[in-house]
């Protein structure tokens, strides 16, 4: 006790008073903040029960009918000051995030530690877009038979925009189809496919992959139909199209499709090839274009229009075919679901995409 008295005795009086004042401000501020939040309790300052928050998230989803299939809680953990809640809907799992007081729910989180890299990429993209198409084309790696891999996810508004531009290009120049492959972003964990916007998107990605691989003659017609009308909303809040009607109207073999989706040696195996390539090329957003093994910026070639994506493909040829001289629509394709190729208000979405959480 005498040592403690000596410590206080030897402290500078002003420093001691300042320390006491700071502690008082912190305590008072904490009490004011606590009282300002509805149903906030003092124990939550020191950490609410993660399991209770997880249960609250699941109950909220189920009670508000955010999913046609009941959600169940898999596990909870803490990350970056939030509660990470892993939810199972049907056979699919995905992660959501909630604040420690259990008031706010975030279906998706983005890692902003990558913002510096993203800003740098946008600066590079801006510099690239100042090039003429001829200048941009001269820098592209050439091949006798080029391959354009367009990475997307099926609910992303900008991925849909890119698919729409590609589909219109293929519609007008069918020979382009052999040089274009729409690929998908996602992952597979313990036999379960996932996507950035939840299980519904993951399943649609898988359907599109199966049609692409096993019924390629139906692929472009199917996605062109799927992109026209938003008929449902996923638990994540993202829009969904009318897959059953589009399968019927475009002549998709539904039995073959169902078999592919349910057979891991087919559907998931095809999907894993896409995901592995996405990892190889460090794909971080929908859409991302990879031409002959290198990322390209579509804004340098005319943007997300059918003529723009045609110009991207044609830039990859060692010797361009005569079809490359065909002029297609230079209007940027509509974003998200749209009954028409272009929207009345136009599209100003250069370099905009749905980013993956890193």
Protein backbone atom coordinates (compact mmCIF):
# COMPACT_ATOMS: atom_id res chain seq x y z
CA UNK A 1 0.00 0.00 0.00
CA UNK A 2 2.85 2.38 0.86
CA UNK A 3 4.41 1.72 -2.55
CA UNK A 4 1.12 2.58 -4.24
CA UNK A 5 0.90 5.83 -2.24
CA UNK A 6 4.42 6.71 -3.28
CA UNK A 7 3.58 6.17 -6.92
CA UNK A 8 0.62 8.58 -6.71
CA UNK A 9 2.66 11.02 -4.64
CA UNK A 10 5.41 11.11 -7.25
CA UNK A 11 3.00 11.57 -10.19
CA UNK A 12 2.71 15.00 -11.73
CA UNK A 13 -0.54 16.51 -10.36
CA UNK A 14 -1.72 17.80 -13.75
CA UNK A 15 -1.09 14.42 -15.38
CA UNK A 16 -3.08 12.70 -12.65
CA UNK A 17 -6.02 15.07 -13.05
CA UNK A 18 -5.94 14.66 -16.82
CA UNK A 19 -5.96 10.87 -16.49
CA UNK A 20 -8.95 10.96 -14.14
CA UNK A 21 -10.81 13.30 -16.52
CA UNK A 22 -10.19 11.02 -19.51
CA UNK A 23 -11.45 7.97 -17.63
CA UNK A 24 -14.55 9.92 -16.60
CA UNK A 25 -15.25 10.96 -20.19
CA UNK A 26 -14.89 7.38 -21.43
CA UNK A 27 -17.28 6.01 -18.82
CA UNK A 28 -19.83 8.81 -19.34
CA UNK A 29 -19.64 8.47 -23.12
CA UNK A 30 -20.14 4.72 -22.86
CA UNK A 31 -23.25 5.17 -20.74
CA UNK A 32 -24.71 7.79 -23.10
CA UNK A 33 -24.02 5.54 -26.11
CA UNK A 34 -25.57 2.55 -24.35
CA UNK A 35 -28.72 4.49 -23.51
CA UNK A 36 -29.03 5.85 -27.05
CA UNK A 37 -29.42 2.40 -28.61
CA UNK A 38 -32.75 0.64 -28.33
CA UNK A 39 -32.56 -2.63 -26.38
CA UNK A 40 -28.82 -2.14 -25.82
CA UNK A 41 -27.64 -3.74 -22.59
CA UNK A 42 -24.41 -3.23 -20.68
CA UNK A 43 -23.22 -6.85 -21.19
CA UNK A 44 -23.14 -6.26 -24.95
CA UNK A 45 -20.37 -3.71 -24.48
CA UNK A 46 -18.19 -6.58 -23.32
CA UNK A 47 -19.43 -9.06 -25.96
CA UNK A 48 -22.91 -10.42 -26.62
CA UNK A 49 -23.48 -14.14 -26.96
CA UNK A 50 -22.45 -15.10 -30.48
CA UNK A 51 -24.77 -18.08 -30.47
CA UNK A 52 -27.73 -15.86 -29.54
CA UNK A 53 -26.91 -13.50 -32.39
CA UNK A 54 -26.60 -16.46 -34.76
CA UNK A 55 -30.02 -17.70 -33.70
CA UNK A 56 -31.45 -14.21 -34.14
CA UNK A 57 -30.12 -14.04 -37.72
CA UNK A 58 -31.68 -17.40 -38.61
CA UNK A 59 -34.99 -16.46 -37.01
CA UNK A 60 -35.02 -13.15 -38.87
CA UNK A 61 -34.50 -14.88 -42.22
CA UNK A 62 -37.18 -17.47 -41.51
CA UNK A 63 -39.74 -15.16 -39.90
CA UNK A 64 -39.49 -12.64 -42.73
CA UNK A 65 -39.61 -15.33 -45.43
CA UNK A 66 -36.32 -14.22 -46.98
CA UNK A 67 -35.80 -17.78 -48.19
CA UNK A 68 -38.33 -20.24 -49.59
CA UNK A 69 -36.36 -22.99 -47.81
CA UNK A 70 -35.93 -22.67 -44.01
CA UNK A 71 -32.49 -21.54 -42.90
CA UNK A 72 -30.58 -23.27 -40.11
CA UNK A 73 -27.54 -22.22 -38.10
CA UNK A 74 -24.26 -24.03 -38.82
CA UNK A 75 -21.76 -22.07 -36.74
CA UNK A 76 -20.79 -18.62 -35.51
CA UNK A 77 -17.44 -16.93 -35.05
CA UNK A 78 -15.99 -13.46 -34.66
CA UNK A 79 -14.12 -11.58 -37.36
CA UNK A 80 -13.09 -7.90 -37.57
CA UNK A 81 -15.47 -6.88 -34.78
CA UNK A 82 -18.48 -8.62 -36.38
CA UNK A 83 -20.19 -11.93 -35.77
CA UNK A 84 -19.76 -14.23 -38.77
CA UNK A 85 -22.83 -16.44 -39.09
CA UNK A 86 -22.64 -19.52 -41.32
CA UNK A 87 -26.15 -20.47 -42.47
CA UNK A 88 -27.43 -23.56 -44.24
CA UNK A 89 -30.34 -23.29 -46.66
CA UNK A 90 -31.22 -26.62 -48.22
CA UNK A 91 -27.88 -28.25 -49.06
CA UNK A 92 -26.03 -24.95 -49.47
CA UNK A 93 -24.04 -22.93 -46.95
CA UNK A 94 -23.12 -19.26 -47.04
CA UNK A 95 -21.76 -16.63 -44.67
CA UNK A 96 -23.53 -13.53 -43.35
CA UNK A 97 -22.35 -10.98 -40.81
CA UNK A 98 -24.06 -9.23 -37.89
CA UNK A 99 -23.10 -6.47 -35.51
CA UNK A 100 -22.27 -7.43 -31.93
CA UNK A 101 -25.49 -5.85 -30.63
CA UNK A 102 -27.51 -8.08 -32.95
CA UNK A 103 -29.23 -5.14 -34.67
CA UNK A 104 -27.75 -5.09 -38.17
CA UNK A 105 -27.40 -7.98 -40.63
CA UNK A 106 -25.06 -7.92 -43.62
CA UNK A 107 -25.64 -10.69 -46.21
CA UNK A 108 -22.18 -10.01 -47.66
CA UNK A 109 -18.95 -8.31 -46.58
CA UNK A 110 -16.13 -6.81 -48.62
CA UNK A 111 -12.52 -6.73 -47.45
CA UNK A 112 -11.46 -3.10 -47.78
CA UNK A 113 -7.82 -3.94 -47.10
CA UNK A 114 -7.64 -4.50 -50.87
CA UNK A 115 -8.79 -0.95 -51.62
CA UNK A 116 -5.26 0.26 -52.37
CA UNK A 117 -4.80 -2.48 -54.95
CA UNK A 118 -8.25 -1.77 -56.40
CA UNK A 119 -7.52 1.93 -56.64
CA UNK A 120 -4.30 1.14 -58.45
CA UNK A 121 -6.16 -1.17 -60.81
CA UNK A 122 -8.73 1.53 -61.53
CA UNK A 123 -5.95 3.98 -62.28
CA UNK A 124 -4.41 1.48 -64.66
CA UNK A 125 -7.81 0.84 -66.23
CA UNK A 126 -8.35 4.56 -66.65
CA UNK A 127 -4.98 4.88 -68.35
CA UNK A 128 -5.76 1.90 -70.56
CA UNK A 129 -9.16 3.30 -71.56
CA UNK A 130 -7.44 6.42 -72.87
CA UNK A 131 -5.88 4.24 -75.58
CA UNK A 132 -7.45 3.88 -78.98
CA UNK A 133 -8.75 0.38 -79.82
CA UNK A 134 -5.87 0.00 -82.27
CA UNK A 135 -3.30 0.84 -79.58
CA UNK A 136 -4.94 -1.53 -77.10
CA UNK A 137 -5.11 -4.31 -79.70
CA UNK A 138 -1.42 -4.00 -80.52
CA UNK A 139 -0.53 -4.81 -76.90
CA UNK A 140 -2.65 -7.98 -76.77
CA UNK A 141 -1.06 -11.42 -76.96
CA UNK A 142 -1.96 -13.04 -80.29
CA UNK A 143 -3.03 -16.59 -81.16
CA UNK A 144 -4.20 -18.41 -84.27
CA UNK A 145 -7.34 -19.41 -82.37
CA UNK A 146 -7.80 -16.98 -79.48
CA UNK A 147 -9.84 -17.69 -76.33
CA UNK A 148 -11.75 -15.07 -74.40
CA UNK A 149 -12.71 -16.25 -70.91
CA UNK A 150 -15.40 -14.00 -69.43
CA UNK A 151 -15.71 -14.57 -65.67
CA UNK A 152 -19.10 -13.69 -64.15
CA UNK A 153 -21.68 -14.69 -61.56
CA UNK A 154 -25.29 -15.07 -62.67
CA UNK A 155 -26.97 -12.47 -60.41
CA UNK A 156 -24.38 -9.70 -60.67
CA UNK A 157 -25.92 -6.78 -62.63
CA UNK A 158 -22.62 -6.12 -64.40
CA UNK A 159 -21.96 -9.79 -65.09
CA UNK A 160 -25.39 -9.90 -66.75
CA UNK A 161 -24.42 -6.82 -68.73
CA UNK A 162 -21.30 -8.57 -70.03
CA UNK A 163 -23.21 -11.76 -70.84
CA UNK A 164 -25.78 -9.67 -72.74
CA UNK A 165 -23.06 -7.99 -74.83
CA UNK A 166 -21.40 -11.34 -75.55
CA UNK A 167 -24.72 -13.01 -76.47
CA UNK A 168 -25.57 -10.21 -78.87
CA UNK A 169 -22.15 -10.49 -80.52
CA UNK A 170 -22.57 -14.25 -80.95
CA UNK A 171 -26.11 -13.78 -82.29
CA UNK A 172 -24.83 -11.49 -85.03
CA UNK A 173 -21.53 -13.30 -85.69
CA UNK A 174 -22.13 -16.98 -84.76
CA UNK A 175 -18.54 -17.95 -85.54
CA UNK A 176 -17.40 -15.92 -82.50
CA UNK A 177 -18.91 -18.54 -80.17
CA UNK A 178 -15.97 -20.91 -80.66
CA UNK A 179 -13.59 -18.28 -79.26
CA UNK A 180 -15.67 -17.23 -76.23
CA UNK A 181 -16.27 -19.09 -72.99
CA UNK A 182 -18.32 -17.64 -70.17
CA UNK A 183 -16.86 -18.92 -66.91
CA UNK A 184 -18.10 -18.58 -63.35
CA UNK A 185 -16.65 -17.41 -60.05
CA UNK A 186 -17.14 -19.45 -56.88
CA UNK A 187 -15.80 -22.27 -54.75
CA UNK A 188 -16.58 -25.83 -53.67
CA UNK A 189 -16.28 -26.92 -50.06
CA UNK A 190 -17.08 -30.49 -48.99
CA UNK A 191 -19.06 -31.05 -52.16
CA UNK A 192 -21.10 -27.85 -51.79
CA UNK A 193 -20.86 -25.12 -54.44
CA UNK A 194 -20.99 -21.50 -53.31
CA UNK A 195 -21.06 -18.08 -54.93
CA UNK A 196 -20.61 -14.51 -53.74
CA UNK A 197 -24.36 -13.79 -53.58
CA UNK A 198 -25.57 -16.96 -51.89
CA UNK A 199 -26.82 -20.46 -52.67
CA UNK A 200 -29.48 -19.50 -55.22
CA UNK A 201 -26.87 -17.80 -57.38
CA UNK A 202 -24.52 -20.76 -56.92
CA UNK A 203 -27.19 -23.15 -58.23
CA UNK A 204 -27.92 -20.97 -61.25
CA UNK A 205 -24.18 -20.75 -61.96
CA UNK A 206 -24.09 -24.55 -61.87
CA UNK A 207 -27.07 -24.84 -64.23
CA UNK A 208 -25.45 -22.48 -66.71
CA UNK A 209 -22.16 -24.37 -66.47
CA UNK A 210 -23.90 -27.69 -67.16
CA UNK A 211 -25.76 -26.27 -70.16
CA UNK A 212 -22.52 -24.74 -71.44
CA UNK A 213 -20.63 -28.03 -71.17
CA UNK A 214 -23.25 -30.62 -72.14
CA UNK A 215 -25.74 -28.67 -74.27
CA UNK A 216 -23.59 -25.93 -75.83
CA UNK A 217 -26.00 -25.28 -78.69
CA UNK A 218 -28.57 -24.17 -76.08
CA UNK A 219 -26.27 -22.03 -73.94
CA UNK A 220 -26.51 -18.61 -75.60
CA UNK A 221 -30.26 -18.85 -76.16
CA UNK A 222 -30.77 -19.92 -72.55
CA UNK A 223 -28.82 -17.05 -70.97
CA UNK A 224 -30.40 -14.58 -73.41
CA UNK A 225 -33.80 -15.72 -72.11
CA UNK A 226 -32.70 -15.84 -68.46
CA UNK A 227 -31.42 -12.24 -68.52
CA UNK A 228 -34.70 -10.78 -69.76
CA UNK A 229 -36.88 -10.95 -66.67
CA UNK A 230 -36.26 -10.82 -62.93
CA UNK A 231 -38.89 -13.14 -61.41
CA UNK A 232 -37.55 -13.80 -57.90
CA UNK A 233 -35.18 -12.50 -55.24
CA UNK A 234 -32.51 -14.50 -53.43
CA UNK A 235 -32.08 -14.44 -49.66
CA UNK A 236 -29.08 -12.17 -50.26
CA UNK A 237 -31.36 -9.64 -51.98
CA UNK A 238 -29.96 -10.33 -55.45
CA UNK A 239 -32.33 -10.83 -58.42
CA UNK A 240 -33.04 -14.18 -60.04
CA UNK A 241 -34.44 -15.05 -63.47
CA UNK A 242 -37.01 -17.63 -64.55
CA UNK A 243 -34.87 -20.69 -65.20
CA UNK A 244 -37.67 -23.29 -65.61
CA UNK A 245 -39.48 -21.25 -68.29
CA UNK A 246 -36.22 -20.53 -70.14
CA UNK A 247 -35.25 -24.20 -70.09
CA UNK A 248 -38.56 -25.02 -71.75
CA UNK A 249 -38.62 -22.20 -74.30
CA UNK A 250 -35.04 -22.80 -75.46
CA UNK A 251 -35.35 -26.57 -75.71
CA UNK A 252 -32.93 -27.51 -72.93
CA UNK A 253 -32.97 -31.23 -72.12
CA UNK A 254 -34.17 -30.85 -68.54
CA UNK A 255 -33.49 -34.47 -67.56
CA UNK A 256 -29.91 -34.23 -68.78
CA UNK A 257 -29.49 -30.90 -67.01
CA UNK A 258 -30.84 -32.25 -63.71
CA UNK A 259 -28.53 -35.24 -63.98
CA UNK A 260 -25.51 -33.00 -64.57
CA UNK A 261 -26.35 -30.71 -61.65
CA UNK A 262 -26.78 -33.65 -59.24
CA UNK A 263 -23.73 -35.61 -60.43
CA UNK A 264 -20.56 -34.27 -58.73
CA UNK A 265 -18.36 -35.96 -61.34
CA UNK A 266 -19.97 -33.75 -63.98
CA UNK A 267 -21.44 -30.48 -62.72
CA UNK A 268 -19.09 -29.81 -59.82
CA UNK A 269 -16.12 -31.06 -61.84
CA UNK A 270 -16.89 -28.59 -64.63
CA UNK A 271 -17.36 -25.81 -62.07
CA UNK A 272 -14.07 -26.58 -60.34
CA UNK A 273 -12.20 -26.03 -63.61
CA UNK A 274 -13.71 -22.55 -63.80
CA UNK A 275 -12.88 -21.79 -60.18
CA UNK A 276 -9.30 -23.04 -60.55
CA UNK A 277 -8.77 -20.84 -63.60
CA UNK A 278 -10.22 -17.90 -61.71
CA UNK A 279 -7.66 -18.49 -58.98
CA UNK A 280 -4.88 -18.82 -61.54
CA UNK A 281 -5.76 -15.47 -63.11
CA UNK A 282 -6.50 -13.77 -59.75
CA UNK A 283 -10.05 -12.97 -60.81
CA UNK A 284 -11.67 -10.76 -58.15
CA UNK A 285 -14.81 -9.43 -59.80
CA UNK A 286 -17.72 -10.08 -62.14
CA UNK A 287 -17.13 -9.44 -64.98
CA UNK A 288 -13.43 -10.01 -65.66
CA UNK A 289 -12.10 -10.71 -69.17
CA UNK A 290 -9.08 -12.93 -69.79
CA UNK A 291 -7.86 -13.00 -73.41
CA UNK A 292 -5.22 -15.57 -74.35
CA UNK A 293 -4.22 -15.90 -70.70
CA UNK A 294 -3.99 -12.20 -69.83
CA UNK A 295 -6.53 -9.80 -68.35
CA UNK A 296 -7.86 -7.13 -70.71
CA UNK A 297 -9.86 -3.99 -70.09
CA UNK A 298 -12.98 -3.87 -72.26
CA UNK A 299 -13.19 -0.07 -72.01
CA UNK A 300 -10.17 0.13 -74.32
CA UNK A 301 -12.14 -1.64 -77.04
CA UNK A 302 -15.51 0.10 -76.86
CA UNK A 303 -16.87 -1.01 -73.51
CA UNK A 304 -19.55 -3.55 -72.68
CA UNK A 305 -21.22 -3.50 -76.07
CA UNK A 306 -21.49 -6.24 -78.65
CA UNK A 307 -19.06 -4.36 -80.89
CA UNK A 308 -16.72 -3.84 -77.94
CA UNK A 309 -16.49 -7.51 -77.01
CA UNK A 310 -16.17 -8.47 -80.69
CA UNK A 311 -13.19 -6.09 -80.87
CA UNK A 312 -11.66 -7.77 -77.80
CA UNK A 313 -11.87 -11.22 -79.41
CA UNK A 314 -10.59 -9.96 -82.75
CA UNK A 315 -7.61 -8.29 -81.08
CA UNK A 316 -6.44 -11.75 -80.03
CA UNK A 317 -6.08 -13.14 -83.56
CA UNK A 318 -2.73 -13.52 -85.25
CA UNK A 319 -4.63 -13.07 -88.51
CA UNK A 320 -8.13 -11.67 -88.18
CA UNK A 321 -10.99 -13.36 -90.06
CA UNK A 322 -13.22 -11.27 -92.33
CA UNK A 323 -16.00 -11.31 -89.73
CA UNK A 324 -13.95 -8.94 -87.58
CA UNK A 325 -14.76 -6.14 -90.02
CA UNK A 326 -18.48 -6.51 -89.25
CA UNK A 327 -19.79 -3.53 -87.27
CA UNK A 328 -22.01 -4.47 -84.35
CA UNK A 329 -23.96 -2.37 -81.85
CA UNK A 330 -21.72 0.17 -80.12
CA UNK A 331 -24.33 0.98 -77.47
CA UNK A 332 -23.44 -0.40 -74.06
CA UNK A 333 -25.66 -3.30 -73.05
CA UNK A 334 -28.26 -2.86 -70.32
CA UNK A 335 -27.25 -3.62 -66.74
CA UNK A 336 -28.95 -6.46 -64.81
CA UNK A 337 -32.23 -7.97 -66.07
CA UNK A 338 -33.68 -6.30 -69.15
CA UNK A 339 -36.14 -7.27 -71.88
CA UNK A 340 -34.09 -5.28 -74.39
CA UNK A 341 -30.42 -5.20 -75.34
CA UNK A 342 -29.95 -1.61 -74.18
CA UNK A 343 -31.79 0.46 -71.58
CA UNK A 344 -33.48 3.75 -72.43
CA UNK A 345 -31.33 5.61 -69.89
CA UNK A 346 -28.10 4.15 -71.20
CA UNK A 347 -25.33 2.43 -69.22
CA UNK A 348 -22.34 4.21 -67.71
CA UNK A 349 -20.63 1.37 -65.87
CA UNK A 350 -17.00 1.41 -66.99
CA UNK A 351 -14.89 -0.78 -64.68
CA UNK A 352 -17.87 -1.42 -62.38
CA UNK A 353 -18.25 -5.00 -61.19
CA UNK A 354 -19.33 -7.21 -58.31
CA UNK A 355 -16.23 -7.79 -56.24
CA UNK A 356 -15.41 -10.97 -54.36
CA UNK A 357 -14.58 -10.73 -50.66
CA UNK A 358 -10.85 -11.44 -50.27
